[in-house]
Amino acid sequence: MYSARRLAVLACPVLLFATAACTPGTSHQESKAPSTPAPSSSQGKNGGGLPLAQAVGQLKVSAEARTGYERDKFHLWIDADHDGCDTRKEVLLAEAVKKPRETKNCRLTGGTWRSYYGAA
């Protein structure tokens, strides 16, 4: 289940793009008279709607679905320096708070990482 912090991080860019898409630009339609009255100052800077914190709070939270993905189908990582560790494993080693154990062929087990998107 997603935490409120994770949902806020995911929802912010979506809400920002949605707001930007609704903001009038410099188009040929600007010369026409608006069909609705201008928003009052009590509706906020974006012309209406909810403040971001309230909008994020109203997002539906659903159970995470972890079906259908198989990492072995995606061979995206390379071993550019030919040391036996692909890029993904080298980043995991570099960013670990508690280093994982590294066995033969750069197989990693254990370890701890901090994530901006994870629970605090």
C-alpha atoms as a PDB file:
ATOM      1  CA  MET A   1       0.000   0.000   0.000  1.00  0.00           C
ATOM      2  CA  TYR A   2       1.330   3.453  -0.848  1.00  0.00           C
ATOM      3  CA  SER A   3       2.137   5.891   1.919  1.00  0.00           C
ATOM      4  CA  ALA A   4       0.726   9.425   1.808  1.00  0.00           C
ATOM      5  CA  ARG A   5       4.227  10.787   1.165  1.00  0.00           C
ATOM      6  CA  ARG A   6       4.753   8.484  -1.827  1.00  0.00           C
ATOM      7  CA  LEU A   7       1.367   9.464  -3.262  1.00  0.00           C
ATOM      8  CA  ALA A   8       2.177  13.145  -2.841  1.00  0.00           C
ATOM      9  CA  VAL A   9       5.466  12.706  -4.697  1.00  0.00           C
ATOM     10  CA  LEU A  10       3.722  10.863  -7.526  1.00  0.00           C
ATOM     11  CA  ALA A  11       0.737  13.193  -7.696  1.00  0.00           C
ATOM     12  CA  CYS A  12       2.551  16.534  -7.657  1.00  0.00           C
ATOM     13  CA  PRO A  13       3.891  16.363 -11.239  1.00  0.00           C
ATOM     14  CA  VAL A  14       0.517  15.160 -12.528  1.00  0.00           C
ATOM     15  CA  LEU A  15      -1.328  17.966 -10.814  1.00  0.00           C
ATOM     16  CA  LEU A  16       1.212  20.552 -11.983  1.00  0.00           C
ATOM     17  CA  PHE A  17       0.885  19.428 -15.609  1.00  0.00           C
ATOM     18  CA  ALA A  18      -2.901  19.358 -15.355  1.00  0.00           C
ATOM     19  CA  THR A  19      -2.926  22.892 -13.970  1.00  0.00           C
ATOM     20  CA  ALA A  20      -0.536  24.106 -16.668  1.00  0.00           C
ATOM     21  CA  ALA A  21      -2.710  22.549 -19.381  1.00  0.00           C
ATOM     22  CA  CYS A  22      -5.720  24.487 -18.102  1.00  0.00           C
ATOM     23  CA  THR A  23      -3.920  27.825 -17.863  1.00  0.00           C
ATOM     24  CA  PRO A  24      -4.736  30.133 -20.780  1.00  0.00           C
ATOM     25  CA  GLY A  25      -1.812  30.714 -23.094  1.00  0.00           C
ATOM     26  CA  THR A  26      -1.153  33.247 -25.813  1.00  0.00           C
ATOM     27  CA  SER A  27      -3.441  31.873 -28.478  1.00  0.00           C
ATOM     28  CA  HIS A  28      -5.952  33.312 -30.914  1.00  0.00           C
ATOM     29  CA  GLN A  29      -8.673  32.648 -28.330  1.00  0.00           C
ATOM     30  CA  GLU A  30      -7.382  35.424 -26.047  1.00  0.00           C
ATOM     31  CA  SER A  31      -9.008  38.064 -28.216  1.00  0.00           C
ATOM     32  CA  LYS A  32     -12.465  36.584 -27.524  1.00  0.00           C
ATOM     33  CA  ALA A  33     -14.406  37.609 -24.447  1.00  0.00           C
ATOM     34  CA  PRO A  34     -14.288  34.976 -21.709  1.00  0.00           C
ATOM     35  CA  SER A  35     -17.440  32.912 -21.352  1.00  0.00           C
ATOM     36  CA  THR A  36     -17.062  32.590 -17.569  1.00  0.00           C
ATOM     37  CA  PRO A  37     -16.327  35.259 -15.008  1.00  0.00           C
ATOM     38  CA  ALA A  38     -12.804  35.693 -13.698  1.00  0.00           C
ATOM     39  CA  PRO A  39     -12.053  33.702 -10.541  1.00  0.00           C
ATOM     40  CA  SER A  40     -12.272  35.498  -7.233  1.00  0.00           C
ATOM     41  CA  SER A  41      -9.195  35.857  -5.065  1.00  0.00           C
ATOM     42  CA  SER A  42     -10.610  33.299  -2.614  1.00  0.00           C
ATOM     43  CA  GLN A  43     -10.259  30.525  -5.218  1.00  0.00           C
ATOM     44  CA  GLY A  44      -6.482  30.533  -5.161  1.00  0.00           C
ATOM     45  CA  LYS A  45      -3.773  31.468  -7.637  1.00  0.00           C
ATOM     46  CA  ASN A  46      -4.576  28.741 -10.156  1.00  0.00           C
ATOM     47  CA  GLY A  47      -8.059  30.066 -10.865  1.00  0.00           C
ATOM     48  CA  GLY A  48     -10.000  27.600  -8.755  1.00  0.00           C
ATOM     49  CA  GLY A  49      -9.851  24.117  -7.444  1.00  0.00           C
ATOM     50  CA  LEU A  50      -8.264  22.840  -4.284  1.00  0.00           C
ATOM     51  CA  PRO A  51      -4.906  23.591  -2.745  1.00  0.00           C
ATOM     52  CA  LEU A  52      -2.403  20.880  -3.644  1.00  0.00           C
ATOM     53  CA  ALA A  53      -2.331  19.304  -0.171  1.00  0.00           C
ATOM     54  CA  GLN A  54      -6.126  18.889  -0.201  1.00  0.00           C
ATOM     55  CA  ALA A  55      -6.148  17.559  -3.775  1.00  0.00           C
ATOM     56  CA  VAL A  56      -3.492  14.959  -2.937  1.00  0.00           C
ATOM     57  CA  GLY A  57      -5.481  13.990   0.167  1.00  0.00           C
ATOM     58  CA  GLN A  58      -8.472  13.152  -2.040  1.00  0.00           C
ATOM     59  CA  LEU A  59      -6.562  10.749  -4.293  1.00  0.00           C
ATOM     60  CA  LYS A  60      -7.817   7.177  -4.232  1.00  0.00           C
ATOM     61  CA  VAL A  61      -5.326   4.802  -2.616  1.00  0.00           C
ATOM     62  CA  SER A  62      -5.290   1.294  -4.075  1.00  0.00           C
ATOM     63  CA  ALA A  63      -3.378  -1.848  -3.300  1.00  0.00           C
ATOM     64  CA  GLU A  64      -0.153  -2.199  -5.273  1.00  0.00           C
ATOM     65  CA  ALA A  65      -0.276  -4.798  -8.053  1.00  0.00           C
ATOM     66  CA  ARG A  66       3.002  -6.684  -8.440  1.00  0.00           C
ATOM     67  CA  THR A  67       2.021  -9.090 -11.185  1.00  0.00           C
ATOM     68  CA  GLY A  68       3.250  -9.303 -14.755  1.00  0.00           C
ATOM     69  CA  TYR A  69       6.782  -7.936 -14.286  1.00  0.00           C
ATOM     70  CA  GLU A  70       9.775 -10.235 -14.664  1.00  0.00           C
ATOM     71  CA  ARG A  71      13.182  -8.547 -14.352  1.00  0.00           C
ATOM     72  CA  ASP A  72      14.834 -11.281 -16.448  1.00  0.00           C
ATOM     73  CA  LYS A  73      12.881 -10.071 -19.503  1.00  0.00           C
ATOM     74  CA  PHE A  74      14.624  -6.696 -19.368  1.00  0.00           C
ATOM     75  CA  HIS A  75      18.339  -6.854 -20.148  1.00  0.00           C
ATOM     76  CA  LEU A  76      19.058  -3.140 -19.838  1.00  0.00           C
ATOM     77  CA  TRP A  77      22.136  -3.069 -17.627  1.00  0.00           C
ATOM     78  CA  ILE A  78      25.664  -3.126 -19.004  1.00  0.00           C
ATOM     79  CA  ASP A  79      29.063  -3.750 -17.450  1.00  0.00           C
ATOM     80  CA  ALA A  80      30.943  -0.884 -19.110  1.00  0.00           C
ATOM     81  CA  ASP A  81      34.151  -1.324 -17.104  1.00  0.00           C
ATOM     82  CA  HIS A  82      34.048  -5.149 -17.358  1.00  0.00           C
ATOM     83  CA  ASP A  83      34.544  -5.676 -13.620  1.00  0.00           C
ATOM     84  CA  GLY A  84      31.665  -8.140 -13.275  1.00  0.00           C
ATOM     85  CA  CYS A  85      29.171  -5.594 -11.851  1.00  0.00           C
ATOM     86  CA  ASP A  86      26.566  -4.081 -14.160  1.00  0.00           C
ATOM     87  CA  THR A  87      25.498  -0.437 -13.826  1.00  0.00           C
ATOM     88  CA  ARG A  88      22.537  -1.231 -11.552  1.00  0.00           C
ATOM     89  CA  LYS A  89      24.698  -3.136  -9.076  1.00  0.00           C
ATOM     90  CA  GLU A  90      27.407  -0.469  -9.111  1.00  0.00           C
ATOM     91  CA  VAL A  91      24.811   2.198  -8.237  1.00  0.00           C
ATOM     92  CA  LEU A  92      23.419  -0.004  -5.459  1.00  0.00           C
ATOM     93  CA  LEU A  93      26.929  -0.405  -4.039  1.00  0.00           C
ATOM     94  CA  ALA A  94      27.678   3.325  -4.316  1.00  0.00           C
ATOM     95  CA  GLU A  95      24.418   4.519  -2.730  1.00  0.00           C
ATOM     96  CA  ALA A  96      24.057   1.966   0.062  1.00  0.00           C
ATOM     97  CA  VAL A  97      23.696   3.227   3.612  1.00  0.00           C
ATOM     98  CA  LYS A  98      24.687  -0.250   4.796  1.00  0.00           C
ATOM     99  CA  LYS A  99      26.740  -2.013   2.112  1.00  0.00           C
ATOM    100  CA  PRO A 100      25.341  -5.299   0.761  1.00  0.00           C
ATOM    101  CA  ARG A 101      27.442  -8.455   0.757  1.00  0.00           C
ATOM    102  CA  GLU A 102      29.074  -8.987  -2.625  1.00  0.00           C
ATOM    103  CA  THR A 103      29.717 -12.554  -3.726  1.00  0.00           C
ATOM    104  CA  LYS A 104      31.129 -14.134  -6.882  1.00  0.00           C
ATOM    105  CA  ASN A 105      30.047 -12.461 -10.153  1.00  0.00           C
ATOM    106  CA  CYS A 106      28.904  -9.356  -8.219  1.00  0.00           C
ATOM    107  CA  ARG A 107      25.855 -11.021  -6.707  1.00  0.00           C
ATOM    108  CA  LEU A 108      24.544  -8.674  -3.987  1.00  0.00           C
ATOM    109  CA  THR A 109      22.643  -9.699  -0.866  1.00  0.00           C
ATOM    110  CA  GLY A 110      21.499  -7.657   2.100  1.00  0.00           C
ATOM    111  CA  GLY A 111      22.222  -3.952   2.363  1.00  0.00           C
ATOM    112  CA  THR A 112      20.166  -0.877   3.212  1.00  0.00           C
ATOM    113  CA  TRP A 113      19.284   2.176   1.104  1.00  0.00           C
ATOM    114  CA  ARG A 114      17.416   5.436   1.652  1.00  0.00           C
ATOM    115  CA  SER A 115      14.831   6.444  -0.901  1.00  0.00           C
ATOM    116  CA  TYR A 116      13.083   9.757  -1.399  1.00  0.00           C
ATOM    117  CA  TYR A 117      10.017   7.788  -2.486  1.00  0.00           C
ATOM    118  CA  GLY A 118       9.972   5.337   0.419  1.00  0.00           C
ATOM    119  CA  ALA A 119       8.386   5.702   3.815  1.00  0.00           C
ATOM    120  CA  ALA A 120      10.174   7.970   6.249  1.00  0.00           C
END
